[in-house]
PDB file of N, CA and C in Angstrom:
ATOM      1  N   MET A   1     -26.821  11.728  21.034  1.00  0.00           N
ATOM      2  CA  MET A   1     -27.038  10.361  20.599  1.00  0.00           C
ATOM      3  C   MET A   1     -26.123   9.417  21.380  1.00  0.00           C
ATOM      4  N   THR A   2     -26.603   8.215  21.568  1.00  0.00           N
ATOM      5  CA  THR A   2     -25.872   7.233  22.355  1.00  0.00           C
ATOM      6  C   THR A   2     -24.869   6.474  21.495  1.00  0.00           C
ATOM      7  N   GLN A   3     -23.734   6.174  22.101  1.00  0.00           N
ATOM      8  CA  GLN A   3     -22.687   5.436  21.410  1.00  0.00           C
ATOM      9  C   GLN A   3     -22.790   3.950  21.707  1.00  0.00           C
ATOM     10  N   VAL A   4     -22.190   3.160  20.838  1.00  0.00           N
ATOM     11  CA  VAL A   4     -22.174   1.707  20.973  1.00  0.00           C
ATOM     12  C   VAL A   4     -21.585   1.278  22.319  1.00  0.00           C
ATOM     13  N   SER A   5     -20.606   2.007  22.809  1.00  0.00           N
ATOM     14  CA  SER A   5     -19.962   1.645  24.079  1.00  0.00           C
ATOM     15  C   SER A   5     -20.953   1.588  25.234  1.00  0.00           C
ATOM     16  N   GLY A   6     -22.062   2.313  25.119  1.00  0.00           N
ATOM     17  CA  GLY A   6     -23.055   2.333  26.185  1.00  0.00           C
ATOM     18  C   GLY A   6     -23.954   1.114  26.238  1.00  0.00           C
ATOM     19  N   ILE A   7     -24.006   0.346  25.153  1.00  0.00           N
ATOM     20  CA  ILE A   7     -24.888  -0.832  25.134  1.00  0.00           C
ATOM     21  C   ILE A   7     -24.173  -2.144  24.830  1.00  0.00           C
ATOM     22  N   MET A   8     -22.897  -2.072  24.482  1.00  0.00           N
ATOM     23  CA  MET A   8     -22.203  -3.291  24.048  1.00  0.00           C
ATOM     24  C   MET A   8     -21.998  -4.285  25.188  1.00  0.00           C
ATOM     25  N   GLN A   9     -21.937  -5.548  24.798  1.00  0.00           N
ATOM     26  CA  GLN A   9     -21.557  -6.614  25.724  1.00  0.00           C
ATOM     27  C   GLN A   9     -20.037  -6.579  25.812  1.00  0.00           C
ATOM     28  N   LYS A  10     -19.512  -6.517  27.013  1.00  0.00           N
ATOM     29  CA  LYS A  10     -18.062  -6.372  27.162  1.00  0.00           C
ATOM     30  C   LYS A  10     -17.331  -7.696  27.333  1.00  0.00           C
ATOM     31  N   ASN A  11     -17.998  -8.690  27.830  1.00  0.00           N
ATOM     32  CA  ASN A  11     -17.353  -9.982  28.070  1.00  0.00           C
ATOM     33  C   ASN A  11     -17.577 -10.928  26.896  1.00  0.00           C
ATOM     34  N   VAL A  12     -16.956 -10.612  25.783  1.00  0.00           N
ATOM     35  CA  VAL A  12     -17.099 -11.413  24.580  1.00  0.00           C
ATOM     36  C   VAL A  12     -16.049 -12.521  24.606  1.00  0.00           C
ATOM     37  N   ILE A  13     -16.480 -13.722  24.282  1.00  0.00           N
ATOM     38  CA  ILE A  13     -15.590 -14.882  24.307  1.00  0.00           C
ATOM     39  C   ILE A  13     -15.032 -15.111  22.910  1.00  0.00           C
ATOM     40  N   ALA A  14     -13.736 -15.386  22.844  1.00  0.00           N
ATOM     41  CA  ALA A  14     -13.070 -15.624  21.566  1.00  0.00           C
ATOM     42  C   ALA A  14     -12.478 -17.032  21.536  1.00  0.00           C
ATOM     43  N   ILE A  15     -12.251 -17.508  20.320  1.00  0.00           N
ATOM     44  CA  ILE A  15     -11.656 -18.817  20.100  1.00  0.00           C
ATOM     45  C   ILE A  15     -10.667 -18.699  18.951  1.00  0.00           C
ATOM     46  N   ASN A  16      -9.599 -19.457  19.005  1.00  0.00           N
ATOM     47  CA  ASN A  16      -8.572 -19.407  17.979  1.00  0.00           C
ATOM     48  C   ASN A  16      -9.074 -20.038  16.673  1.00  0.00           C
ATOM     49  N   HIS A  17      -8.656 -19.496  15.562  1.00  0.00           N
ATOM     50  CA  HIS A  17      -9.116 -19.916  14.235  1.00  0.00           C
ATOM     51  C   HIS A  17      -8.807 -21.372  13.899  1.00  0.00           C
ATOM     52  N   ASP A  18      -7.810 -21.957  14.539  1.00  0.00           N
ATOM     53  CA  ASP A  18      -7.426 -23.326  14.195  1.00  0.00           C
ATOM     54  C   ASP A  18      -8.184 -24.393  14.996  1.00  0.00           C
ATOM     55  N   LYS A  19      -9.153 -23.994  15.777  1.00  0.00           N
ATOM     56  CA  LYS A  19      -9.971 -24.946  16.544  1.00  0.00           C
ATOM     57  C   LYS A  19     -11.074 -25.519  15.654  1.00  0.00           C
ATOM     58  N   ASN A  20     -11.781 -26.516  16.185  1.00  0.00           N
ATOM     59  CA  ASN A  20     -12.853 -27.133  15.393  1.00  0.00           C
ATOM     60  C   ASN A  20     -14.225 -26.809  15.993  1.00  0.00           C
ATOM     61  N   ALA A  21     -15.244 -27.258  15.291  1.00  0.00           N
ATOM     62  CA  ALA A  21     -16.621 -26.963  15.696  1.00  0.00           C
ATOM     63  C   ALA A  21     -16.958 -27.579  17.045  1.00  0.00           C
ATOM     64  N   LEU A  22     -16.387 -28.717  17.367  1.00  0.00           N
ATOM     65  CA  LEU A  22     -16.629 -29.330  18.672  1.00  0.00           C
ATOM     66  C   LEU A  22     -16.077 -28.435  19.781  1.00  0.00           C
ATOM     67  N   ASP A  23     -14.865 -27.928  19.598  1.00  0.00           N
ATOM     68  CA  ASP A  23     -14.276 -27.005  20.584  1.00  0.00           C
ATOM     69  C   ASP A  23     -15.194 -25.802  20.800  1.00  0.00           C
ATOM     70  N   ALA A  24     -15.690 -25.250  19.697  1.00  0.00           N
ATOM     71  CA  ALA A  24     -16.579 -24.083  19.776  1.00  0.00           C
ATOM     72  C   ALA A  24     -17.890 -24.448  20.468  1.00  0.00           C
ATOM     73  N   SER A  25     -18.451 -25.592  20.120  1.00  0.00           N
ATOM     74  CA  SER A  25     -19.730 -26.017  20.708  1.00  0.00           C
ATOM     75  C   SER A  25     -19.638 -26.189  22.219  1.00  0.00           C
ATOM     76  N   VAL A  26     -18.525 -26.733  22.679  1.00  0.00           N
ATOM     77  CA  VAL A  26     -18.323 -26.919  24.117  1.00  0.00           C
ATOM     78  C   VAL A  26     -18.308 -25.562  24.830  1.00  0.00           C
ATOM     79  N   ILE A  27     -17.604 -24.608  24.268  1.00  0.00           N
ATOM     80  CA  ILE A  27     -17.550 -23.262  24.871  1.00  0.00           C
ATOM     81  C   ILE A  27     -18.927 -22.615  24.853  1.00  0.00           C
ATOM     82  N   LEU A  28     -19.617 -22.706  23.714  1.00  0.00           N
ATOM     83  CA  LEU A  28     -20.952 -22.122  23.597  1.00  0.00           C
ATOM     84  C   LEU A  28     -21.890 -22.683  24.658  1.00  0.00           C
ATOM     85  N   LYS A  29     -21.818 -23.989  24.873  1.00  0.00           N
ATOM     86  CA  LYS A  29     -22.681 -24.627  25.865  1.00  0.00           C
ATOM     87  C   LYS A  29     -22.287 -24.219  27.282  1.00  0.00           C
ATOM     88  N   GLU A  30     -20.997 -24.300  27.587  1.00  0.00           N
ATOM     89  CA  GLU A  30     -20.532 -23.971  28.941  1.00  0.00           C
ATOM     90  C   GLU A  30     -20.838 -22.526  29.331  1.00  0.00           C
ATOM     91  N   LYS A  31     -20.652 -21.615  28.396  1.00  0.00           N
ATOM     92  CA  LYS A  31     -20.840 -20.190  28.676  1.00  0.00           C
ATOM     93  C   LYS A  31     -22.275 -19.720  28.438  1.00  0.00           C
ATOM     94  N   GLU A  32     -23.105 -20.619  27.883  1.00  0.00           N
ATOM     95  CA  GLU A  32     -24.504 -20.302  27.557  1.00  0.00           C
ATOM     96  C   GLU A  32     -24.599 -19.040  26.705  1.00  0.00           C
ATOM     97  N   ILE A  33     -23.845 -19.065  25.595  1.00  0.00           N
ATOM     98  CA  ILE A  33     -23.829 -17.961  24.643  1.00  0.00           C
ATOM     99  C   ILE A  33     -24.165 -18.488  23.253  1.00  0.00           C
ATOM    100  N   SER A  34     -24.392 -17.579  22.309  1.00  0.00           N
ATOM    101  CA  SER A  34     -24.821 -18.014  20.980  1.00  0.00           C
ATOM    102  C   SER A  34     -23.769 -17.805  19.895  1.00  0.00           C
ATOM    103  N   PHE A  35     -22.665 -17.120  20.209  1.00  0.00           N
ATOM    104  CA  PHE A  35     -21.629 -16.920  19.198  1.00  0.00           C
ATOM    105  C   PHE A  35     -20.269 -16.725  19.853  1.00  0.00           C
ATOM    106  N   LEU A  36     -19.232 -16.911  19.057  1.00  0.00           N
ATOM    107  CA  LEU A  36     -17.853 -16.686  19.473  1.00  0.00           C
ATOM    108  C   LEU A  36     -17.161 -15.813  18.435  1.00  0.00           C
ATOM    109  N   VAL A  37     -16.213 -15.021  18.877  1.00  0.00           N
ATOM    110  CA  VAL A  37     -15.357 -14.280  17.963  1.00  0.00           C
ATOM    111  C   VAL A  37     -14.172 -15.182  17.635  1.00  0.00           C
ATOM    112  N   ILE A  38     -13.844 -15.269  16.372  1.00  0.00           N
ATOM    113  CA  ILE A  38     -12.697 -16.081  15.948  1.00  0.00           C
ATOM    114  C   ILE A  38     -11.497 -15.161  15.802  1.00  0.00           C
ATOM    115  N   ILE A  39     -10.397 -15.565  16.432  1.00  0.00           N
ATOM    116  CA  ILE A  39      -9.190 -14.736  16.385  1.00  0.00           C
ATOM    117  C   ILE A  39      -8.047 -15.490  15.702  1.00  0.00           C
ATOM    118  N   LYS A  40      -7.183 -14.703  15.087  1.00  0.00           N
ATOM    119  CA  LYS A  40      -5.962 -15.227  14.464  1.00  0.00           C
ATOM    120  C   LYS A  40      -4.874 -14.200  14.740  1.00  0.00           C
ATOM    121  N   ASP A  41      -3.766 -14.643  15.261  1.00  0.00           N
ATOM    122  CA  ASP A  41      -2.676 -13.739  15.640  1.00  0.00           C
ATOM    123  C   ASP A  41      -3.174 -12.623  16.564  1.00  0.00           C
ATOM    124  N   LYS A  42      -4.042 -13.000  17.500  1.00  0.00           N
ATOM    125  CA  LYS A  42      -4.596 -12.108  18.524  1.00  0.00           C
ATOM    126  C   LYS A  42      -5.521 -11.024  17.969  1.00  0.00           C
ATOM    127  N   LYS A  43      -5.973 -11.178  16.705  1.00  0.00           N
ATOM    128  CA  LYS A  43      -6.877 -10.200  16.103  1.00  0.00           C
ATOM    129  C   LYS A  43      -8.166 -10.877  15.657  1.00  0.00           C
ATOM    130  N   PRO A  44      -9.298 -10.252  15.893  1.00  0.00           N
ATOM    131  CA  PRO A  44     -10.576 -10.814  15.434  1.00  0.00           C
ATOM    132  C   PRO A  44     -10.621 -10.880  13.912  1.00  0.00           C
ATOM    133  N   ILE A  45     -11.039 -12.036  13.393  1.00  0.00           N
ATOM    134  CA  ILE A  45     -11.144 -12.179  11.938  1.00  0.00           C
ATOM    135  C   ILE A  45     -12.550 -12.563  11.487  1.00  0.00           C
ATOM    136  N   SER A  46     -13.366 -13.036  12.418  1.00  0.00           N
ATOM    137  CA  SER A  46     -14.712 -13.454  12.039  1.00  0.00           C
ATOM    138  C   SER A  46     -15.512 -13.833  13.270  1.00  0.00           C
ATOM    139  N   LEU A  47     -16.693 -14.388  13.012  1.00  0.00           N
ATOM    140  CA  LEU A  47     -17.587 -14.901  14.056  1.00  0.00           C
ATOM    141  C   LEU A  47     -18.022 -16.301  13.676  1.00  0.00           C
ATOM    142  N   VAL A  48     -18.445 -17.051  14.671  1.00  0.00           N
ATOM    143  CA  VAL A  48     -19.116 -18.325  14.422  1.00  0.00           C
ATOM    144  C   VAL A  48     -20.264 -18.426  15.429  1.00  0.00           C
ATOM    145  N   SER A  49     -21.418 -18.825  14.936  1.00  0.00           N
ATOM    146  CA  SER A  49     -22.595 -18.939  15.798  1.00  0.00           C
ATOM    147  C   SER A  49     -23.044 -20.386  15.900  1.00  0.00           C
ATOM    148  N   GLU A  50     -23.916 -20.619  16.858  1.00  0.00           N
ATOM    149  CA  GLU A  50     -24.514 -21.956  16.985  1.00  0.00           C
ATOM    150  C   GLU A  50     -25.150 -22.357  15.658  1.00  0.00           C
ATOM    151  N   ARG A  51     -25.828 -21.421  15.060  1.00  0.00           N
ATOM    152  CA  ARG A  51     -26.527 -21.676  13.797  1.00  0.00           C
ATOM    153  C   ARG A  51     -25.545 -22.042  12.679  1.00  0.00           C
ATOM    154  N   ASP A  52     -24.406 -21.349  12.596  1.00  0.00           N
ATOM    155  CA  ASP A  52     -23.394 -21.668  11.589  1.00  0.00           C
ATOM    156  C   ASP A  52     -22.944 -23.121  11.722  1.00  0.00           C
ATOM    157  N   ILE A  53     -22.685 -23.527  12.954  1.00  0.00           N
ATOM    158  CA  ILE A  53     -22.207 -24.886  13.214  1.00  0.00           C
ATOM    159  C   ILE A  53     -23.281 -25.904  12.846  1.00  0.00           C
ATOM    160  N   ALA A  54     -24.487 -25.703  13.326  1.00  0.00           N
ATOM    161  CA  ALA A  54     -25.574 -26.662  13.062  1.00  0.00           C
ATOM    162  C   ALA A  54     -25.848 -26.796  11.573  1.00  0.00           C
ATOM    163  N   ARG A  55     -25.890 -25.699  10.869  1.00  0.00           N
ATOM    164  CA  ARG A  55     -26.172 -25.740   9.425  1.00  0.00           C
ATOM    165  C   ARG A  55     -25.088 -26.478   8.649  1.00  0.00           C
ATOM    166  N   LYS A  56     -23.838 -26.196   8.947  1.00  0.00           N
ATOM    167  CA  LYS A  56     -22.746 -26.832   8.208  1.00  0.00           C
ATOM    168  C   LYS A  56     -22.712 -28.329   8.470  1.00  0.00           C
ATOM    169  N   ILE A  57     -22.929 -28.719   9.714  1.00  0.00           N
ATOM    170  CA  ILE A  57     -22.933 -30.147  10.049  1.00  0.00           C
ATOM    171  C   ILE A  57     -24.091 -30.846   9.339  1.00  0.00           C
ATOM    172  N   ALA A  58     -25.251 -30.235   9.354  1.00  0.00           N
ATOM    173  CA  ALA A  58     -26.427 -30.832   8.712  1.00  0.00           C
ATOM    174  C   ALA A  58     -26.282 -30.856   7.192  1.00  0.00           C
ATOM    175  N   ASP A  59     -25.794 -29.756   6.617  1.00  0.00           N
ATOM    176  CA  ASP A  59     -25.662 -29.669   5.159  1.00  0.00           C
ATOM    177  C   ASP A  59     -24.668 -30.677   4.603  1.00  0.00           C
ATOM    178  N   ASP A  60     -23.554 -30.849   5.287  1.00  0.00           N
ATOM    179  CA  ASP A  60     -22.485 -31.690   4.764  1.00  0.00           C
ATOM    180  C   ASP A  60     -22.337 -33.029   5.483  1.00  0.00           C
ATOM    181  N   ASP A  61     -23.255 -33.311   6.432  1.00  0.00           N
ATOM    182  CA  ASP A  61     -23.225 -34.566   7.178  1.00  0.00           C
ATOM    183  C   ASP A  61     -21.835 -34.821   7.777  1.00  0.00           C
ATOM    184  N   LEU A  62     -21.353 -33.851   8.520  1.00  0.00           N
ATOM    185  CA  LEU A  62     -20.022 -33.922   9.115  1.00  0.00           C
ATOM    186  C   LEU A  62     -20.094 -34.118  10.623  1.00  0.00           C
ATOM    187  N   GLN A  63     -18.963 -34.529  11.199  1.00  0.00           N
ATOM    188  CA  GLN A  63     -18.841 -34.583  12.653  1.00  0.00           C
ATOM    189  C   GLN A  63     -18.179 -33.293  13.121  1.00  0.00           C
ATOM    190  N   GLU A  64     -18.604 -32.819  14.292  1.00  0.00           N
ATOM    191  CA  GLU A  64     -18.062 -31.563  14.816  1.00  0.00           C
ATOM    192  C   GLU A  64     -16.548 -31.600  14.982  1.00  0.00           C
ATOM    193  N   SER A  65     -16.006 -32.752  15.353  1.00  0.00           N
ATOM    194  CA  SER A  65     -14.565 -32.829  15.599  1.00  0.00           C
ATOM    195  C   SER A  65     -13.747 -32.742  14.315  1.00  0.00           C
ATOM    196  N   SER A  66     -14.373 -32.975  13.164  1.00  0.00           N
ATOM    197  CA  SER A  66     -13.634 -32.903  11.903  1.00  0.00           C
ATOM    198  C   SER A  66     -13.855 -31.589  11.158  1.00  0.00           C
ATOM    199  N   LEU A  67     -14.683 -30.730  11.716  1.00  0.00           N
ATOM    200  CA  LEU A  67     -15.054 -29.490  11.041  1.00  0.00           C
ATOM    201  C   LEU A  67     -14.270 -28.305  11.605  1.00  0.00           C
ATOM    202  N   GLN A  68     -13.315 -27.800  10.833  1.00  0.00           N
ATOM    203  CA  GLN A  68     -12.495 -26.668  11.268  1.00  0.00           C
ATOM    204  C   GLN A  68     -13.300 -25.373  11.204  1.00  0.00           C
ATOM    205  N   LEU A  69     -13.082 -24.517  12.185  1.00  0.00           N
ATOM    206  CA  LEU A  69     -13.817 -23.248  12.247  1.00  0.00           C
ATOM    207  C   LEU A  69     -13.612 -22.399  10.999  1.00  0.00           C
ATOM    208  N   GLU A  70     -12.442 -22.458  10.417  1.00  0.00           N
ATOM    209  CA  GLU A  70     -12.176 -21.660   9.219  1.00  0.00           C
ATOM    210  C   GLU A  70     -13.107 -22.029   8.063  1.00  0.00           C
ATOM    211  N   LYS A  71     -13.678 -23.233   8.096  1.00  0.00           N
ATOM    212  CA  LYS A  71     -14.592 -23.685   7.045  1.00  0.00           C
ATOM    213  C   LYS A  71     -16.021 -23.179   7.252  1.00  0.00           C
ATOM    214  N   ILE A  72     -16.334 -22.752   8.468  1.00  0.00           N
ATOM    215  CA  ILE A  72     -17.725 -22.350   8.750  1.00  0.00           C
ATOM    216  C   ILE A  72     -17.887 -20.939   9.290  1.00  0.00           C
ATOM    217  N   MET A  73     -16.787 -20.251   9.548  1.00  0.00           N
ATOM    218  CA  MET A  73     -16.913 -18.915  10.129  1.00  0.00           C
ATOM    219  C   MET A  73     -17.616 -17.982   9.152  1.00  0.00           C
ATOM    220  N   SER A  74     -18.272 -17.009   9.695  1.00  0.00           N
ATOM    221  CA  SER A  74     -19.018 -16.044   8.892  1.00  0.00           C
ATOM    222  C   SER A  74     -18.088 -15.290   7.958  1.00  0.00           C
ATOM    223  N   GLU A  75     -18.511 -15.188   6.721  1.00  0.00           N
ATOM    224  CA  GLU A  75     -17.725 -14.432   5.749  1.00  0.00           C
ATOM    225  C   GLU A  75     -18.101 -12.959   5.776  1.00  0.00           C
ATOM    226  N   ASN A  76     -19.226 -12.648   6.373  1.00  0.00           N
ATOM    227  CA  ASN A  76     -19.746 -11.288   6.398  1.00  0.00           C
ATOM    228  C   ASN A  76     -19.373 -10.610   7.716  1.00  0.00           C
ATOM    229  N   PHE A  77     -18.075 -10.521   7.989  1.00  0.00           N
ATOM    230  CA  PHE A  77     -17.556  -9.979   9.240  1.00  0.00           C
ATOM    231  C   PHE A  77     -17.544  -8.457   9.197  1.00  0.00           C
ATOM    232  N   LYS A  78     -18.303  -7.846  10.091  1.00  0.00           N
ATOM    233  CA  LYS A  78     -18.379  -6.387  10.171  1.00  0.00           C
ATOM    234  C   LYS A  78     -18.079  -5.957  11.605  1.00  0.00           C
ATOM    235  N   TRP A  79     -17.590  -4.721  11.736  1.00  0.00           N
ATOM    236  CA  TRP A  79     -17.259  -4.211  13.068  1.00  0.00           C
ATOM    237  C   TRP A  79     -17.485  -2.700  13.123  1.00  0.00           C
ATOM    238  N   VAL A  80     -17.512  -2.199  14.351  1.00  0.00           N
ATOM    239  CA  VAL A  80     -17.619  -0.767  14.616  1.00  0.00           C
ATOM    240  C   VAL A  80     -16.682  -0.415  15.770  1.00  0.00           C
ATOM    241  N   GLU A  81     -16.486   0.869  15.975  1.00  0.00           N
ATOM    242  CA  GLU A  81     -15.692   1.349  17.107  1.00  0.00           C
ATOM    243  C   GLU A  81     -16.620   1.674  18.269  1.00  0.00           C
ATOM    244  N   PRO A  82     -16.114   1.720  19.495  1.00  0.00           N
ATOM    245  CA  PRO A  82     -16.956   2.025  20.655  1.00  0.00           C
ATOM    246  C   PRO A  82     -17.645   3.386  20.567  1.00  0.00           C
ATOM    247  N   THR A  83     -17.037   4.319  19.846  1.00  0.00           N
ATOM    248  CA  THR A  83     -17.598   5.663  19.730  1.00  0.00           C
ATOM    249  C   THR A  83     -18.640   5.795  18.617  1.00  0.00           C
ATOM    250  N   THR A  84     -18.891   4.714  17.898  1.00  0.00           N
ATOM    251  CA  THR A  84     -19.887   4.724  16.825  1.00  0.00           C
ATOM    252  C   THR A  84     -21.272   4.968  17.410  1.00  0.00           C
ATOM    253  N   GLU A  85     -22.049   5.819  16.768  1.00  0.00           N
ATOM    254  CA  GLU A  85     -23.423   6.076  17.196  1.00  0.00           C
ATOM    255  C   GLU A  85     -24.269   4.817  16.966  1.00  0.00           C
ATOM    256  N   ILE A  86     -25.160   4.526  17.886  1.00  0.00           N
ATOM    257  CA  ILE A  86     -26.001   3.336  17.799  1.00  0.00           C
ATOM    258  C   ILE A  86     -26.782   3.302  16.490  1.00  0.00           C
ATOM    259  N   GLU A  87     -27.301   4.440  16.073  1.00  0.00           N
ATOM    260  CA  GLU A  87     -28.089   4.485  14.845  1.00  0.00           C
ATOM    261  C   GLU A  87     -27.269   4.027  13.644  1.00  0.00           C
ATOM    262  N   PHE A  88     -25.999   4.409  13.588  1.00  0.00           N
ATOM    263  CA  PHE A  88     -25.113   3.991  12.505  1.00  0.00           C
ATOM    264  C   PHE A  88     -24.869   2.488  12.568  1.00  0.00           C
ATOM    265  N   ALA A  89     -24.655   1.965  13.768  1.00  0.00           N
ATOM    266  CA  ALA A  89     -24.426   0.529  13.941  1.00  0.00           C
ATOM    267  C   ALA A  89     -25.653  -0.276  13.511  1.00  0.00           C
ATOM    268  N   VAL A  90     -26.831   0.191  13.902  1.00  0.00           N
ATOM    269  CA  VAL A  90     -28.076  -0.494  13.506  1.00  0.00           C
ATOM    270  C   VAL A  90     -28.209  -0.484  11.989  1.00  0.00           C
ATOM    271  N   GLN A  91     -27.943   0.650  11.366  1.00  0.00           N
ATOM    272  CA  GLN A  91     -28.038   0.741   9.912  1.00  0.00           C
ATOM    273  C   GLN A  91     -27.041  -0.203   9.240  1.00  0.00           C
ATOM    274  N   LYS A  92     -25.857  -0.317   9.799  1.00  0.00           N
ATOM    275  CA  LYS A  92     -24.836  -1.227   9.259  1.00  0.00           C
ATOM    276  C   LYS A  92     -25.324  -2.672   9.333  1.00  0.00           C
ATOM    277  N   MET A  93     -25.958  -3.028  10.444  1.00  0.00           N
ATOM    278  CA  MET A  93     -26.497  -4.378  10.597  1.00  0.00           C
ATOM    279  C   MET A  93     -27.607  -4.634   9.575  1.00  0.00           C
ATOM    280  N   LEU A  94     -28.498  -3.670   9.410  1.00  0.00           N
ATOM    281  CA  LEU A  94     -29.591  -3.809   8.455  1.00  0.00           C
ATOM    282  C   LEU A  94     -29.075  -3.893   7.021  1.00  0.00           C
ATOM    283  N   ASN A  95     -28.160  -3.020   6.665  1.00  0.00           N
ATOM    284  CA  ASN A  95     -27.613  -2.992   5.301  1.00  0.00           C
ATOM    285  C   ASN A  95     -26.889  -4.278   4.927  1.00  0.00           C
ATOM    286  N   ASN A  96     -26.281  -4.914   5.919  1.00  0.00           N
ATOM    287  CA  ASN A  96     -25.498  -6.126   5.665  1.00  0.00           C
ATOM    288  C   ASN A  96     -26.230  -7.406   6.049  1.00  0.00           C
ATOM    289  N   ASN A  97     -27.487  -7.261   6.504  1.00  0.00           N
ATOM    290  CA  ASN A  97     -28.305  -8.405   6.890  1.00  0.00           C
ATOM    291  C   ASN A  97     -27.577  -9.306   7.899  1.00  0.00           C
ATOM    292  N   ILE A  98     -27.066  -8.677   8.966  1.00  0.00           N
ATOM    293  CA  ILE A  98     -26.358  -9.412  10.014  1.00  0.00           C
ATOM    294  C   ILE A  98     -26.998  -9.131  11.368  1.00  0.00           C
ATOM    295  N   LYS A  99     -26.750 -10.021  12.321  1.00  0.00           N
ATOM    296  CA  LYS A  99     -27.357  -9.914  13.642  1.00  0.00           C
ATOM    297  C   LYS A  99     -26.390  -9.424  14.712  1.00  0.00           C
ATOM    298  N   ARG A 100     -25.095  -9.408  14.376  1.00  0.00           N
ATOM    299  CA  ARG A 100     -24.085  -9.055  15.374  1.00  0.00           C
ATOM    300  C   ARG A 100     -23.006  -8.176  14.766  1.00  0.00           C
ATOM    301  N   LEU A 101     -22.475  -7.286  15.580  1.00  0.00           N
ATOM    302  CA  LEU A 101     -21.314  -6.478  15.212  1.00  0.00           C
ATOM    303  C   LEU A 101     -20.280  -6.584  16.318  1.00  0.00           C
ATOM    304  N   ILE A 102     -19.041  -6.729  15.934  1.00  0.00           N
ATOM    305  CA  ILE A 102     -17.946  -6.728  16.885  1.00  0.00           C
ATOM    306  C   ILE A 102     -17.529  -5.282  17.119  1.00  0.00           C
ATOM    307  N   VAL A 103     -17.131  -4.975  18.328  1.00  0.00           N
ATOM    308  CA  VAL A 103     -16.674  -3.631  18.669  1.00  0.00           C
ATOM    309  C   VAL A 103     -15.161  -3.707  18.882  1.00  0.00           C
ATOM    310  N   LEU A 104     -14.432  -2.947  18.063  1.00  0.00           N
ATOM    311  CA  LEU A 104     -12.973  -2.952  18.114  1.00  0.00           C
ATOM    312  C   LEU A 104     -12.446  -1.563  18.440  1.00  0.00           C
ATOM    313  N   ASP A 105     -11.432  -1.550  19.279  1.00  0.00           N
ATOM    314  CA  ASP A 105     -10.695  -0.330  19.591  1.00  0.00           C
ATOM    315  C   ASP A 105      -9.224  -0.726  19.623  1.00  0.00           C
ATOM    316  N   GLU A 106      -8.678  -1.003  18.439  1.00  0.00           N
ATOM    317  CA  GLU A 106      -7.362  -1.605  18.245  1.00  0.00           C
ATOM    318  C   GLU A 106      -7.319  -3.049  18.718  1.00  0.00           C
ATOM    319  N   LYS A 107      -8.274  -3.466  19.511  1.00  0.00           N
ATOM    320  CA  LYS A 107      -8.424  -4.857  19.951  1.00  0.00           C
ATOM    321  C   LYS A 107      -9.911  -5.091  20.208  1.00  0.00           C
ATOM    322  N   LEU A 108     -10.270  -6.314  20.460  1.00  0.00           N
ATOM    323  CA  LEU A 108     -11.661  -6.673  20.741  1.00  0.00           C
ATOM    324  C   LEU A 108     -12.072  -6.095  22.090  1.00  0.00           C
ATOM    325  N   VAL A 109     -13.125  -5.268  22.089  1.00  0.00           N
ATOM    326  CA  VAL A 109     -13.613  -4.686  23.345  1.00  0.00           C
ATOM    327  C   VAL A 109     -15.058  -5.025  23.634  1.00  0.00           C
ATOM    328  N   GLY A 110     -15.773  -5.582  22.648  1.00  0.00           N
ATOM    329  CA  GLY A 110     -17.163  -5.914  22.888  1.00  0.00           C
ATOM    330  C   GLY A 110     -17.889  -6.359  21.640  1.00  0.00           C
ATOM    331  N   ALA A 111     -19.205  -6.479  21.787  1.00  0.00           N
ATOM    332  CA  ALA A 111     -20.064  -6.863  20.677  1.00  0.00           C
ATOM    333  C   ALA A 111     -21.459  -6.307  20.935  1.00  0.00           C
ATOM    334  N   ILE A 112     -22.185  -6.074  19.864  1.00  0.00           N
ATOM    335  CA  ILE A 112     -23.595  -5.727  19.997  1.00  0.00           C
ATOM    336  C   ILE A 112     -24.386  -6.663  19.093  1.00  0.00           C
ATOM    337  N   THR A 113     -25.620  -6.941  19.501  1.00  0.00           N
ATOM    338  CA  THR A 113     -26.488  -7.811  18.723  1.00  0.00           C
ATOM    339  C   THR A 113     -27.786  -7.085  18.432  1.00  0.00           C
ATOM    340  N   GLN A 114     -28.596  -7.685  17.582  1.00  0.00           N
ATOM    341  CA  GLN A 114     -29.902  -7.118  17.252  1.00  0.00           C
ATOM    342  C   GLN A 114     -30.715  -6.810  18.497  1.00  0.00           C
ATOM    343  N   THR A 115     -30.646  -7.687  19.474  1.00  0.00           N
ATOM    344  CA  THR A 115     -31.482  -7.520  20.667  1.00  0.00           C
ATOM    345  C   THR A 115     -30.962  -6.433  21.617  1.00  0.00           C
ATOM    346  N   ASP A 116     -29.697  -6.053  21.480  1.00  0.00           N
ATOM    347  CA  ASP A 116     -29.159  -4.979  22.324  1.00  0.00           C
ATOM    348  C   ASP A 116     -29.807  -3.665  21.955  1.00  0.00           C
TER     349      ASP A 116
END
């Protein structure tokens, strides 16, 4: 069976937890990606996606520059190790109704998404 390390995206972009939605949006646009890993004290603590940002701004009629990432980051943060079997990772995504998993090996090493 194939492990997550064989299909994961290795160049995952992270952003510090104390940044705002505008900071995240600029990175998302520049890098042409759909999500960022949020880090605190050099450790991944959550994710934020384009969709998270758009929904929160629309729901609460806020400006991106006033919206802290900690207020909108995903609460359903899940991860796997690089040696995790793909089938287990897929099941974890299905069971938790999530589209992305972070891959950790004592530090951030990658991510997998539904489309991977």
